[in-house]
Amino acid sequence: MYLNWLKKVLALAGIIAPLQSGAFMPACGPVFSMEYAAEGRVEVKPSAQHGPKAAEYAKVLEQVDALLGPLSPATSALISVDNAFVFSVFDPTTFRISVGLRPAYMGPKHPAHNFTTLIHEYGHAVFETNMLMRNKKFQKLYAEFSSLEKRIEQTEGSLRDTLRNRQTKLLPLWNLRGAFHELFADVVTLTATKDPKALQSVLRDSRESYDKHSAPELLLRDFTDGRHSQALRVWKKELQHRVLEGEDPYFAFLPVRWEIWKLSRNHIKSENYQKTLIPKVYEILERHYIHLLESGEPQKIGRGGFDKIEVINQRIVEDLREILD
């Protein structure tokens, strides 16, 4: 997801590096087999040729697009696959997705897990595409925040401080945007894989053991943990540190994730149900986020954007029960 937020959750996937600008297809040596090189929107770099082929990644995108219903696919997204697993990110300014090939030492299913990573990052592109197409409020926030970010990078002195102050006023809504993004991308992954633990499996290193106390970052990617009262206690215990203070977009909507699984677990293998789940969840998330955008000054939703996160979770859960039950 967005680089500033990802730096705060390095435990999830290691060090994140920014995407490089330039042509999508760089000059490559003869070792770069065209069988792997490109297929539609997908480029596989030479370092990742020991993994799935470009055509296999392209097929995954087609399968996800078939589940979007009335939502628009992210046709402008360009995907680049490299060797570094830690290098998986969606850049909203360029609509480029970089997917890092999961190393073999993390388990025998590493190629399949790499598709899971692609699906999640592509989910971000789908969310951004539809929000920008459908909502002027969202377009305004996106344009203003992005413009300030660029100007701050190019400015020094008192003017830079002034620009930072303007940007800070938008941070509550921008931070919440990240939380909605991560929730939607995880729902896309859940629907496409039919596996509520798919993302947890991607992040789990087969050489290590985990529990909910030593690695709460794994808890936040498991849709099924809501069955256990312990999960809710862990969430509330971590709420102040991880969400209110840390502005962690992954941890903000755990109760919503658990409710989605509770409502969908008996239907998730149905092809017809799969084709309705993503657009229905999107409809609810869009409605609630736009309501927050239209609620007035960003400061009303808290300094970091998450002060009322428990209330926001409950409201989304209530709507989910009506539309998914």
C-alpha atoms as a PDB file:
ATOM      1  CA  MET A   1       0.000   0.000   0.000  1.00  0.00           C
ATOM      2  CA  TYR A   2       1.197   3.521   0.444  1.00  0.00           C
ATOM      3  CA  LEU A   3       4.848   3.801   1.351  1.00  0.00           C
ATOM      4  CA  ASN A   4       4.525   6.123   4.346  1.00  0.00           C
ATOM      5  CA  TRP A   5       2.122   3.741   6.041  1.00  0.00           C
ATOM      6  CA  LEU A   6       4.054   0.634   5.125  1.00  0.00           C
ATOM      7  CA  LYS A   7       7.152   1.921   6.868  1.00  0.00           C
ATOM      8  CA  LYS A   8       5.170   1.673  10.099  1.00  0.00           C
ATOM      9  CA  VAL A   9       4.377  -1.993   9.585  1.00  0.00           C
ATOM     10  CA  LEU A  10       7.689  -3.389   8.408  1.00  0.00           C
ATOM     11  CA  ALA A  11       7.043  -6.552  10.381  1.00  0.00           C
ATOM     12  CA  LEU A  12       4.476  -7.503   7.761  1.00  0.00           C
ATOM     13  CA  ALA A  13       6.763  -7.722   4.771  1.00  0.00           C
ATOM     14  CA  GLY A  14      10.216  -6.337   5.460  1.00  0.00           C
ATOM     15  CA  ILE A  15      11.741  -3.213   3.941  1.00  0.00           C
ATOM     16  CA  ILE A  16       9.693  -1.399   1.310  1.00  0.00           C
ATOM     17  CA  ALA A  17      11.445   0.465  -1.498  1.00  0.00           C
ATOM     18  CA  PRO A  18       9.802   3.053  -3.782  1.00  0.00           C
ATOM     19  CA  LEU A  19       8.864   2.148  -7.323  1.00  0.00           C
ATOM     20  CA  GLN A  20      11.180   3.485  -9.965  1.00  0.00           C
ATOM     21  CA  SER A  21       9.967   5.769 -12.723  1.00  0.00           C
ATOM     22  CA  GLY A  22      10.607   5.145 -16.398  1.00  0.00           C
ATOM     23  CA  ALA A  23       9.344   2.890 -19.156  1.00  0.00           C
ATOM     24  CA  PHE A  24       7.407  -0.155 -18.036  1.00  0.00           C
ATOM     25  CA  MET A  25       9.513  -2.521 -20.121  1.00  0.00           C
ATOM     26  CA  PRO A  26      13.225  -1.875 -19.487  1.00  0.00           C
ATOM     27  CA  ALA A  27      15.996  -3.028 -21.807  1.00  0.00           C
ATOM     28  CA  CYS A  28      16.863  -6.625 -20.974  1.00  0.00           C
ATOM     29  CA  GLY A  29      19.685  -8.969 -21.880  1.00  0.00           C
ATOM     30  CA  PRO A  30      19.302 -12.197 -23.853  1.00  0.00           C
ATOM     31  CA  VAL A  31      18.725 -14.120 -20.614  1.00  0.00           C
ATOM     32  CA  PHE A  32      15.306 -12.460 -20.397  1.00  0.00           C
ATOM     33  CA  SER A  33      13.066 -15.123 -21.911  1.00  0.00           C
ATOM     34  CA  MET A  34      10.089 -13.627 -23.744  1.00  0.00           C
ATOM     35  CA  GLU A  35       8.029 -16.525 -22.466  1.00  0.00           C
ATOM     36  CA  TYR A  36       8.317 -14.918 -19.067  1.00  0.00           C
ATOM     37  CA  ALA A  37       8.767 -11.315 -20.116  1.00  0.00           C
ATOM     38  CA  ALA A  38       5.309  -9.832 -20.594  1.00  0.00           C
ATOM     39  CA  GLU A  39       1.653 -10.631 -21.009  1.00  0.00           C
ATOM     40  CA  GLY A  40      -0.842  -7.794 -21.212  1.00  0.00           C
ATOM     41  CA  ARG A  41      -0.339  -5.650 -18.113  1.00  0.00           C
ATOM     42  CA  VAL A  42       2.249  -7.965 -16.529  1.00  0.00           C
ATOM     43  CA  GLU A  43       6.038  -7.845 -16.748  1.00  0.00           C
ATOM     44  CA  VAL A  44       8.249 -10.522 -15.159  1.00  0.00           C
ATOM     45  CA  LYS A  45      11.813  -9.324 -14.682  1.00  0.00           C
ATOM     46  CA  PRO A  46      14.813 -11.609 -15.293  1.00  0.00           C
ATOM     47  CA  SER A  47      15.418 -12.089 -11.571  1.00  0.00           C
ATOM     48  CA  ALA A  48      11.955 -13.639 -11.163  1.00  0.00           C
ATOM     49  CA  GLN A  49      12.056 -16.107 -14.067  1.00  0.00           C
ATOM     50  CA  HIS A  50      12.281 -19.038 -11.685  1.00  0.00           C
ATOM     51  CA  GLY A  51       8.710 -18.253 -10.627  1.00  0.00           C
ATOM     52  CA  PRO A  52       5.380 -18.199 -12.469  1.00  0.00           C
ATOM     53  CA  LYS A  53       5.226 -16.929 -16.032  1.00  0.00           C
ATOM     54  CA  ALA A  54       3.721 -13.600 -17.053  1.00  0.00           C
ATOM     55  CA  ALA A  55       0.760 -15.363 -18.664  1.00  0.00           C
ATOM     56  CA  GLU A  56      -0.060 -17.031 -15.335  1.00  0.00           C
ATOM     57  CA  TYR A  57      -0.160 -13.675 -13.541  1.00  0.00           C
ATOM     58  CA  ALA A  58      -2.275 -12.212 -16.344  1.00  0.00           C
ATOM     59  CA  LYS A  59      -4.764 -15.063 -15.955  1.00  0.00           C
ATOM     60  CA  VAL A  60      -5.071 -14.284 -12.232  1.00  0.00           C
ATOM     61  CA  LEU A  61      -5.986 -10.688 -13.084  1.00  0.00           C
ATOM     62  CA  GLU A  62      -8.654 -11.911 -15.503  1.00  0.00           C
ATOM     63  CA  GLN A  63     -10.112 -14.137 -12.787  1.00  0.00           C
ATOM     64  CA  VAL A  64     -10.276 -11.214 -10.350  1.00  0.00           C
ATOM     65  CA  ASP A  65     -11.870  -8.939 -12.953  1.00  0.00           C
ATOM     66  CA  ALA A  66     -14.599 -11.555 -13.435  1.00  0.00           C
ATOM     67  CA  LEU A  67     -15.549 -11.144  -9.751  1.00  0.00           C
ATOM     68  CA  LEU A  68     -15.978  -7.366  -9.798  1.00  0.00           C
ATOM     69  CA  GLY A  69     -19.559  -7.223 -11.069  1.00  0.00           C
ATOM     70  CA  PRO A  70     -20.484  -3.588 -11.830  1.00  0.00           C
ATOM     71  CA  LEU A  71     -17.144  -2.292 -10.546  1.00  0.00           C
ATOM     72  CA  SER A  72     -14.582  -1.173 -13.099  1.00  0.00           C
ATOM     73  CA  PRO A  73     -11.396  -3.249 -13.406  1.00  0.00           C
ATOM     74  CA  ALA A  74      -8.108  -1.420 -12.920  1.00  0.00           C
ATOM     75  CA  THR A  75      -7.120  -1.552 -16.578  1.00  0.00           C
ATOM     76  CA  SER A  76      -4.489   1.157 -16.119  1.00  0.00           C
ATOM     77  CA  ALA A  77      -2.583  -0.854 -13.506  1.00  0.00           C
ATOM     78  CA  LEU A  78       0.784  -2.192 -14.657  1.00  0.00           C
ATOM     79  CA  ILE A  79       2.347  -5.116 -12.799  1.00  0.00           C
ATOM     80  CA  SER A  80       6.055  -5.795 -12.425  1.00  0.00           C
ATOM     81  CA  VAL A  81       7.319  -9.014 -10.785  1.00  0.00           C
ATOM     82  CA  ASP A  82      10.800  -9.012  -9.280  1.00  0.00           C
ATOM     83  CA  ASN A  83      12.755 -11.372  -7.068  1.00  0.00           C
ATOM     84  CA  ALA A  84      12.523  -9.509  -3.738  1.00  0.00           C
ATOM     85  CA  PHE A  85       9.492 -10.673  -1.752  1.00  0.00           C
ATOM     86  CA  VAL A  86       9.614  -7.580   0.458  1.00  0.00           C
ATOM     87  CA  PHE A  87       9.062  -5.408  -2.596  1.00  0.00           C
ATOM     88  CA  SER A  88       5.273  -5.652  -2.992  1.00  0.00           C
ATOM     89  CA  VAL A  89       3.401  -2.384  -3.245  1.00  0.00           C
ATOM     90  CA  PHE A  90       0.739  -0.452  -5.141  1.00  0.00           C
ATOM     91  CA  ASP A  91       1.755   3.086  -6.073  1.00  0.00           C
ATOM     92  CA  PRO A  92      -1.426   5.205  -6.431  1.00  0.00           C
ATOM     93  CA  THR A  93       0.409   8.014  -8.232  1.00  0.00           C
ATOM     94  CA  THR A  94       1.455   5.813 -11.162  1.00  0.00           C
ATOM     95  CA  PHE A  95      -0.897   2.815 -10.802  1.00  0.00           C
ATOM     96  CA  ARG A  96       2.123   0.542 -10.885  1.00  0.00           C
ATOM     97  CA  ILE A  97       2.110  -2.652  -8.851  1.00  0.00           C
ATOM     98  CA  SER A  98       5.372  -4.276  -7.857  1.00  0.00           C
ATOM     99  CA  VAL A  99       5.134  -7.887  -6.715  1.00  0.00           C
ATOM    100  CA  GLY A 100       8.070  -9.568  -4.993  1.00  0.00           C
ATOM    101  CA  LEU A 101       8.452 -13.290  -5.616  1.00  0.00           C
ATOM    102  CA  ARG A 102       8.074 -15.144  -2.316  1.00  0.00           C
ATOM    103  CA  PRO A 103      11.323 -17.037  -1.607  1.00  0.00           C
ATOM    104  CA  ALA A 104      11.308 -20.831  -1.490  1.00  0.00           C
ATOM    105  CA  TYR A 105      12.553 -20.927   2.109  1.00  0.00           C
ATOM    106  CA  MET A 106       9.197 -19.507   3.224  1.00  0.00           C
ATOM    107  CA  GLY A 107       7.428 -22.687   2.236  1.00  0.00           C
ATOM    108  CA  PRO A 108       6.650 -25.016  -0.680  1.00  0.00           C
ATOM    109  CA  LYS A 109       3.622 -23.003  -1.822  1.00  0.00           C
ATOM    110  CA  HIS A 110       5.614 -19.887  -2.639  1.00  0.00           C
ATOM    111  CA  PRO A 111       4.457 -19.559  -6.308  1.00  0.00           C
ATOM    112  CA  ALA A 112       0.786 -19.773  -5.315  1.00  0.00           C
ATOM    113  CA  HIS A 113       1.378 -17.308  -2.505  1.00  0.00           C
ATOM    114  CA  ASN A 114       2.841 -14.933  -5.056  1.00  0.00           C
ATOM    115  CA  PHE A 115      -0.512 -14.887  -6.848  1.00  0.00           C
ATOM    116  CA  THR A 116      -2.102 -14.008  -3.514  1.00  0.00           C
ATOM    117  CA  THR A 117       0.224 -11.036  -3.192  1.00  0.00           C
ATOM    118  CA  LEU A 118      -0.720  -9.878  -6.683  1.00  0.00           C
ATOM    119  CA  ILE A 119      -4.437 -10.175  -5.942  1.00  0.00           C
ATOM    120  CA  HIS A 120      -4.115  -8.040  -2.806  1.00  0.00           C
ATOM    121  CA  GLU A 121      -2.137  -5.297  -4.526  1.00  0.00           C
ATOM    122  CA  TYR A 122      -4.493  -5.370  -7.504  1.00  0.00           C
ATOM    123  CA  GLY A 123      -7.372  -4.943  -5.055  1.00  0.00           C
ATOM    124  CA  HIS A 124      -5.842  -1.597  -4.112  1.00  0.00           C
ATOM    125  CA  ALA A 125      -5.817  -0.569  -7.766  1.00  0.00           C
ATOM    126  CA  VAL A 126      -9.482  -1.563  -8.157  1.00  0.00           C
ATOM    127  CA  PHE A 127     -10.498   0.424  -5.074  1.00  0.00           C
ATOM    128  CA  GLU A 128      -8.603   3.523  -6.202  1.00  0.00           C
ATOM    129  CA  THR A 129      -9.947   3.250  -9.750  1.00  0.00           C
ATOM    130  CA  ASN A 130     -13.585   3.142  -8.679  1.00  0.00           C
ATOM    131  CA  MET A 131     -13.331   5.760  -5.948  1.00  0.00           C
ATOM    132  CA  LEU A 132     -11.708   8.205  -8.376  1.00  0.00           C
ATOM    133  CA  MET A 133     -14.299   7.484 -11.056  1.00  0.00           C
ATOM    134  CA  ARG A 134     -17.338   7.807  -8.802  1.00  0.00           C
ATOM    135  CA  ASN A 135     -16.636  10.442  -6.139  1.00  0.00           C
ATOM    136  CA  LYS A 136     -15.750  14.113  -6.563  1.00  0.00           C
ATOM    137  CA  LYS A 137     -14.988  14.437  -2.840  1.00  0.00           C
ATOM    138  CA  PHE A 138     -12.485  11.622  -3.134  1.00  0.00           C
ATOM    139  CA  GLN A 139     -10.996  13.160  -6.280  1.00  0.00           C
ATOM    140  CA  LYS A 140     -10.533  16.475  -4.456  1.00  0.00           C
ATOM    141  CA  LEU A 141      -8.821  14.872  -1.442  1.00  0.00           C
ATOM    142  CA  TYR A 142      -6.583  12.768  -3.686  1.00  0.00           C
ATOM    143  CA  ALA A 143      -5.575  15.734  -5.847  1.00  0.00           C
ATOM    144  CA  GLU A 144      -4.971  18.098  -2.934  1.00  0.00           C
ATOM    145  CA  PHE A 145      -2.976  15.679  -0.796  1.00  0.00           C
ATOM    146  CA  SER A 146      -0.904  14.410  -3.730  1.00  0.00           C
ATOM    147  CA  SER A 147      -0.161  17.957  -4.872  1.00  0.00           C
ATOM    148  CA  LEU A 148       0.970  18.971  -1.389  1.00  0.00           C
ATOM    149  CA  GLU A 149       3.162  15.868  -1.153  1.00  0.00           C
ATOM    150  CA  LYS A 150       4.926  16.766  -4.398  1.00  0.00           C
ATOM    151  CA  ARG A 151       5.328  20.439  -3.504  1.00  0.00           C
ATOM    152  CA  ILE A 152       6.735  19.600  -0.068  1.00  0.00           C
ATOM    153  CA  GLU A 153       9.409  17.429  -1.691  1.00  0.00           C
ATOM    154  CA  GLN A 154      10.402  20.313  -3.954  1.00  0.00           C
ATOM    155  CA  THR A 155      10.254  23.162  -1.414  1.00  0.00           C
ATOM    156  CA  GLU A 156      12.404  24.358   1.473  1.00  0.00           C
ATOM    157  CA  GLY A 157      12.166  26.851   4.339  1.00  0.00           C
ATOM    158  CA  SER A 158       9.025  28.499   5.725  1.00  0.00           C
ATOM    159  CA  LEU A 159       6.929  27.703   2.647  1.00  0.00           C
ATOM    160  CA  ARG A 160       7.602  24.010   3.201  1.00  0.00           C
ATOM    161  CA  ASP A 161       6.401  24.333   6.810  1.00  0.00           C
ATOM    162  CA  THR A 162       3.242  26.052   5.591  1.00  0.00           C
ATOM    163  CA  LEU A 163       2.579  23.276   3.105  1.00  0.00           C
ATOM    164  CA  ARG A 164       3.177  20.627   5.778  1.00  0.00           C
ATOM    165  CA  ASN A 165       0.639  22.318   8.051  1.00  0.00           C
ATOM    166  CA  ARG A 166      -1.943  22.231   5.255  1.00  0.00           C
ATOM    167  CA  GLN A 167      -1.198  18.582   4.625  1.00  0.00           C
ATOM    168  CA  THR A 168      -1.447  17.741   8.320  1.00  0.00           C
ATOM    169  CA  LYS A 169      -5.024  19.000   8.361  1.00  0.00           C
ATOM    170  CA  LEU A 170      -5.898  16.397   5.723  1.00  0.00           C
ATOM    171  CA  LEU A 171      -4.100  13.507   7.424  1.00  0.00           C
ATOM    172  CA  PRO A 172      -7.115  12.170   9.383  1.00  0.00           C
ATOM    173  CA  LEU A 173      -9.074  11.487   6.195  1.00  0.00           C
ATOM    174  CA  TRP A 174      -5.969  10.365   4.305  1.00  0.00           C
ATOM    175  CA  ASN A 175      -5.093   7.870   7.040  1.00  0.00           C
ATOM    176  CA  LEU A 176      -8.624   6.473   7.067  1.00  0.00           C
ATOM    177  CA  ARG A 177      -8.379   6.140   3.303  1.00  0.00           C
ATOM    178  CA  GLY A 178      -5.517   3.721   3.864  1.00  0.00           C
ATOM    179  CA  ALA A 179      -7.558   1.640   6.302  1.00  0.00           C
ATOM    180  CA  PHE A 180     -10.459   1.348   3.837  1.00  0.00           C
ATOM    181  CA  HIS A 181      -7.965   0.464   1.113  1.00  0.00           C
ATOM    182  CA  GLU A 182      -6.417  -2.377   3.107  1.00  0.00           C
ATOM    183  CA  LEU A 183      -9.795  -3.794   4.112  1.00  0.00           C
ATOM    184  CA  PHE A 184     -11.071  -3.825   0.531  1.00  0.00           C
ATOM    185  CA  ALA A 185      -7.855  -5.345  -0.866  1.00  0.00           C
ATOM    186  CA  ASP A 186      -8.082  -8.115   1.726  1.00  0.00           C
ATOM    187  CA  VAL A 187     -11.728  -8.781   0.792  1.00  0.00           C
ATOM    188  CA  VAL A 188     -10.716  -9.097  -2.870  1.00  0.00           C
ATOM    189  CA  THR A 189      -8.079 -11.618  -1.786  1.00  0.00           C
ATOM    190  CA  LEU A 190     -10.547 -13.548   0.359  1.00  0.00           C
ATOM    191  CA  THR A 191     -13.044 -13.767  -2.503  1.00  0.00           C
ATOM    192  CA  ALA A 192     -10.568 -14.720  -5.204  1.00  0.00           C
ATOM    193  CA  THR A 193      -8.757 -17.359  -3.138  1.00  0.00           C
ATOM    194  CA  LYS A 194     -11.745 -18.517  -1.060  1.00  0.00           C
ATOM    195  CA  ASP A 195      -9.200 -18.791   1.748  1.00  0.00           C
ATOM    196  CA  PRO A 196      -9.661 -16.620   4.873  1.00  0.00           C
ATOM    197  CA  LYS A 197      -6.036 -17.283   5.865  1.00  0.00           C
ATOM    198  CA  ALA A 198      -4.477 -16.617   2.461  1.00  0.00           C
ATOM    199  CA  LEU A 199      -2.683 -13.415   3.404  1.00  0.00           C
ATOM    200  CA  GLN A 200      -1.611 -14.753   6.758  1.00  0.00           C
ATOM    201  CA  SER A 201      -0.027 -17.675   4.912  1.00  0.00           C
ATOM    202  CA  VAL A 202       1.865 -15.313   2.627  1.00  0.00           C
ATOM    203  CA  LEU A 203       3.373 -13.481   5.583  1.00  0.00           C
ATOM    204  CA  ARG A 204       4.171 -16.554   7.633  1.00  0.00           C
ATOM    205  CA  ASP A 205       7.760 -17.732   7.420  1.00  0.00           C
ATOM    206  CA  SER A 206       7.914 -21.542   7.548  1.00  0.00           C
ATOM    207  CA  ARG A 207      11.147 -21.343   9.571  1.00  0.00           C
ATOM    208  CA  GLU A 208       9.479 -19.612  12.510  1.00  0.00           C
ATOM    209  CA  SER A 209       6.577 -20.177  14.884  1.00  0.00           C
ATOM    210  CA  TYR A 210       4.040 -17.549  15.879  1.00  0.00           C
ATOM    211  CA  ASP A 211       1.289 -16.904  18.345  1.00  0.00           C
ATOM    212  CA  LYS A 212      -1.188 -14.074  18.664  1.00  0.00           C
ATOM    213  CA  HIS A 213       0.785 -12.411  21.419  1.00  0.00           C
ATOM    214  CA  SER A 214       4.208 -12.383  19.768  1.00  0.00           C
ATOM    215  CA  ALA A 215       2.957 -11.583  16.260  1.00  0.00           C
ATOM    216  CA  PRO A 216      -0.333  -9.660  16.268  1.00  0.00           C
ATOM    217  CA  GLU A 217       0.468  -8.635  12.691  1.00  0.00           C
ATOM    218  CA  LEU A 218      -0.569 -12.146  11.636  1.00  0.00           C
ATOM    219  CA  LEU A 219      -3.818 -11.832  13.550  1.00  0.00           C
ATOM    220  CA  LEU A 220      -4.840  -8.844  11.488  1.00  0.00           C
ATOM    221  CA  ARG A 221      -4.714 -10.778   8.203  1.00  0.00           C
ATOM    222  CA  ASP A 222      -6.752 -13.804   9.365  1.00  0.00           C
ATOM    223  CA  PHE A 223     -10.454 -13.347   8.704  1.00  0.00           C
ATOM    224  CA  THR A 224     -11.402 -16.300  10.920  1.00  0.00           C
ATOM    225  CA  ASP A 225      -9.965 -15.051  14.216  1.00  0.00           C
ATOM    226  CA  GLY A 226     -13.194 -13.277  15.072  1.00  0.00           C
ATOM    227  CA  ARG A 227     -14.589 -16.617  16.172  1.00  0.00           C
ATOM    228  CA  HIS A 228     -12.449 -16.344  19.270  1.00  0.00           C
ATOM    229  CA  SER A 229     -13.116 -13.839  22.038  1.00  0.00           C
ATOM    230  CA  GLN A 230      -9.356 -13.685  22.553  1.00  0.00           C
ATOM    231  CA  ALA A 231      -8.976 -11.976  19.177  1.00  0.00           C
ATOM    232  CA  LEU A 232     -11.273  -9.132  20.180  1.00  0.00           C
ATOM    233  CA  ARG A 233      -9.365  -8.722  23.442  1.00  0.00           C
ATOM    234  CA  VAL A 234      -6.078  -8.554  21.559  1.00  0.00           C
ATOM    235  CA  TRP A 235      -7.544  -5.957  19.188  1.00  0.00           C
ATOM    236  CA  LYS A 236      -8.799  -3.752  21.995  1.00  0.00           C
ATOM    237  CA  LYS A 237      -5.521  -4.140  23.841  1.00  0.00           C
ATOM    238  CA  GLU A 238      -3.559  -3.071  20.771  1.00  0.00           C
ATOM    239  CA  LEU A 239      -6.052  -0.378  19.699  1.00  0.00           C
ATOM    240  CA  GLN A 240      -4.389   2.558  21.442  1.00  0.00           C
ATOM    241  CA  HIS A 241      -0.857   1.693  20.376  1.00  0.00           C
ATOM    242  CA  ARG A 242      -1.430   0.231  16.917  1.00  0.00           C
ATOM    243  CA  VAL A 243      -4.339   2.341  15.668  1.00  0.00           C
ATOM    244  CA  LEU A 244      -4.868   5.549  17.627  1.00  0.00           C
ATOM    245  CA  GLU A 245      -1.173   6.308  18.076  1.00  0.00           C
ATOM    246  CA  GLY A 246       0.423   4.249  15.313  1.00  0.00           C
ATOM    247  CA  GLU A 247      -2.262   4.959  12.701  1.00  0.00           C
ATOM    248  CA  ASP A 248      -1.997   1.354  11.525  1.00  0.00           C
ATOM    249  CA  PRO A 249      -4.341   0.912   8.508  1.00  0.00           C
ATOM    250  CA  TYR A 250      -4.206  -2.893   8.714  1.00  0.00           C
ATOM    251  CA  PHE A 251      -5.332  -3.121  12.327  1.00  0.00           C
ATOM    252  CA  ALA A 252      -8.158  -0.579  12.159  1.00  0.00           C
ATOM    253  CA  PHE A 253     -10.955  -2.757  10.730  1.00  0.00           C
ATOM    254  CA  LEU A 254     -10.410  -6.193  12.252  1.00  0.00           C
ATOM    255  CA  PRO A 255     -14.002  -6.445  13.590  1.00  0.00           C
ATOM    256  CA  VAL A 256     -15.292  -5.728  10.071  1.00  0.00           C
ATOM    257  CA  ARG A 257     -13.036  -8.428   8.590  1.00  0.00           C
ATOM    258  CA  TRP A 258     -14.308 -10.967  11.120  1.00  0.00           C
ATOM    259  CA  GLU A 259     -17.924 -10.069  10.413  1.00  0.00           C
ATOM    260  CA  ILE A 260     -17.412 -10.442   6.656  1.00  0.00           C
ATOM    261  CA  TRP A 261     -16.108 -13.970   7.177  1.00  0.00           C
ATOM    262  CA  LYS A 262     -18.896 -14.824   9.613  1.00  0.00           C
ATOM    263  CA  LEU A 263     -21.496 -13.786   7.029  1.00  0.00           C
ATOM    264  CA  SER A 264     -19.793 -15.281   3.971  1.00  0.00           C
ATOM    265  CA  ARG A 265     -18.108 -18.481   5.178  1.00  0.00           C
ATOM    266  CA  ASN A 266     -21.035 -20.747   4.257  1.00  0.00           C
ATOM    267  CA  HIS A 267     -21.334 -19.236   0.765  1.00  0.00           C
ATOM    268  CA  ILE A 268     -17.781 -18.346  -0.263  1.00  0.00           C
ATOM    269  CA  LYS A 269     -17.353 -21.404  -2.504  1.00  0.00           C
ATOM    270  CA  SER A 270     -20.431 -20.519  -4.531  1.00  0.00           C
ATOM    271  CA  GLU A 271     -19.502 -18.959  -7.870  1.00  0.00           C
ATOM    272  CA  ASN A 272     -22.610 -16.773  -7.893  1.00  0.00           C
ATOM    273  CA  TYR A 273     -21.893 -15.555  -4.360  1.00  0.00           C
ATOM    274  CA  GLN A 274     -18.291 -14.757  -5.221  1.00  0.00           C
ATOM    275  CA  LYS A 275     -19.479 -12.458  -8.002  1.00  0.00           C
ATOM    276  CA  THR A 276     -21.574 -10.410  -5.580  1.00  0.00           C
ATOM    277  CA  LEU A 277     -19.364 -10.218  -2.489  1.00  0.00           C
ATOM    278  CA  ILE A 278     -16.756  -7.731  -3.738  1.00  0.00           C
ATOM    279  CA  PRO A 279     -19.208  -5.166  -5.197  1.00  0.00           C
ATOM    280  CA  LYS A 280     -21.462  -5.371  -2.123  1.00  0.00           C
ATOM    281  CA  VAL A 281     -18.584  -4.782   0.260  1.00  0.00           C
ATOM    282  CA  TYR A 282     -17.290  -1.978  -1.945  1.00  0.00           C
ATOM    283  CA  GLU A 283     -20.709  -0.297  -1.890  1.00  0.00           C
ATOM    284  CA  ILE A 284     -20.706  -0.232   1.913  1.00  0.00           C
ATOM    285  CA  LEU A 285     -17.108   0.924   2.242  1.00  0.00           C
ATOM    286  CA  GLU A 286     -17.591   3.666  -0.329  1.00  0.00           C
ATOM    287  CA  ARG A 287     -20.723   4.880   1.444  1.00  0.00           C
ATOM    288  CA  HIS A 288     -19.058   5.082   4.833  1.00  0.00           C
ATOM    289  CA  TYR A 289     -15.857   6.675   3.616  1.00  0.00           C
ATOM    290  CA  ILE A 290     -17.687   9.322   1.588  1.00  0.00           C
ATOM    291  CA  HIS A 291     -19.855  10.035   4.629  1.00  0.00           C
ATOM    292  CA  LEU A 292     -16.668  10.720   6.578  1.00  0.00           C
ATOM    293  CA  LEU A 293     -15.397  12.970   3.779  1.00  0.00           C
ATOM    294  CA  GLU A 294     -18.637  14.943   3.876  1.00  0.00           C
ATOM    295  CA  SER A 295     -18.828  15.155   7.672  1.00  0.00           C
ATOM    296  CA  GLY A 296     -17.026  18.481   7.814  1.00  0.00           C
ATOM    297  CA  GLU A 297     -13.550  19.349   9.008  1.00  0.00           C
ATOM    298  CA  PRO A 298     -11.184  16.349   9.116  1.00  0.00           C
ATOM    299  CA  GLN A 299     -10.335  17.160  12.733  1.00  0.00           C
ATOM    300  CA  LYS A 300     -13.852  16.089  13.715  1.00  0.00           C
ATOM    301  CA  ILE A 301     -12.894  12.453  13.190  1.00  0.00           C
ATOM    302  CA  GLY A 302      -9.841  12.750  15.429  1.00  0.00           C
ATOM    303  CA  ARG A 303      -6.268  13.908  15.161  1.00  0.00           C
ATOM    304  CA  GLY A 304      -5.056  10.793  13.354  1.00  0.00           C
ATOM    305  CA  GLY A 305      -8.378   9.829  11.782  1.00  0.00           C
ATOM    306  CA  PHE A 306      -8.922   6.780  13.994  1.00  0.00           C
ATOM    307  CA  ASP A 307     -10.317   8.238  17.229  1.00  0.00           C
ATOM    308  CA  LYS A 308     -13.815   6.971  16.405  1.00  0.00           C
ATOM    309  CA  ILE A 309     -12.693   3.718  14.819  1.00  0.00           C
ATOM    310  CA  GLU A 310     -14.746   1.504  17.120  1.00  0.00           C
ATOM    311  CA  VAL A 311     -17.916   3.402  16.153  1.00  0.00           C
ATOM    312  CA  ILE A 312     -17.008   3.247  12.454  1.00  0.00           C
ATOM    313  CA  ASN A 313     -16.458  -0.508  12.736  1.00  0.00           C
ATOM    314  CA  GLN A 314     -19.846  -1.008  14.356  1.00  0.00           C
ATOM    315  CA  ARG A 315     -21.676   1.030  11.722  1.00  0.00           C
ATOM    316  CA  ILE A 316     -20.053  -0.870   8.871  1.00  0.00           C
ATOM    317  CA  VAL A 317     -20.827  -4.196  10.576  1.00  0.00           C
ATOM    318  CA  GLU A 318     -24.502  -3.243  10.880  1.00  0.00           C
ATOM    319  CA  ASP A 319     -24.703  -2.470   7.164  1.00  0.00           C
ATOM    320  CA  LEU A 320     -22.877  -5.669   6.267  1.00  0.00           C
ATOM    321  CA  ARG A 321     -25.425  -7.720   8.201  1.00  0.00           C
ATOM    322  CA  GLU A 322     -28.220  -6.169   6.163  1.00  0.00           C
ATOM    323  CA  ILE A 323     -26.656  -6.601   2.738  1.00  0.00           C
ATOM    324  CA  LEU A 324     -24.793  -9.924   3.167  1.00  0.00           C
ATOM    325  CA  ASP A 325     -27.050 -11.856   5.544  1.00  0.00           C
END
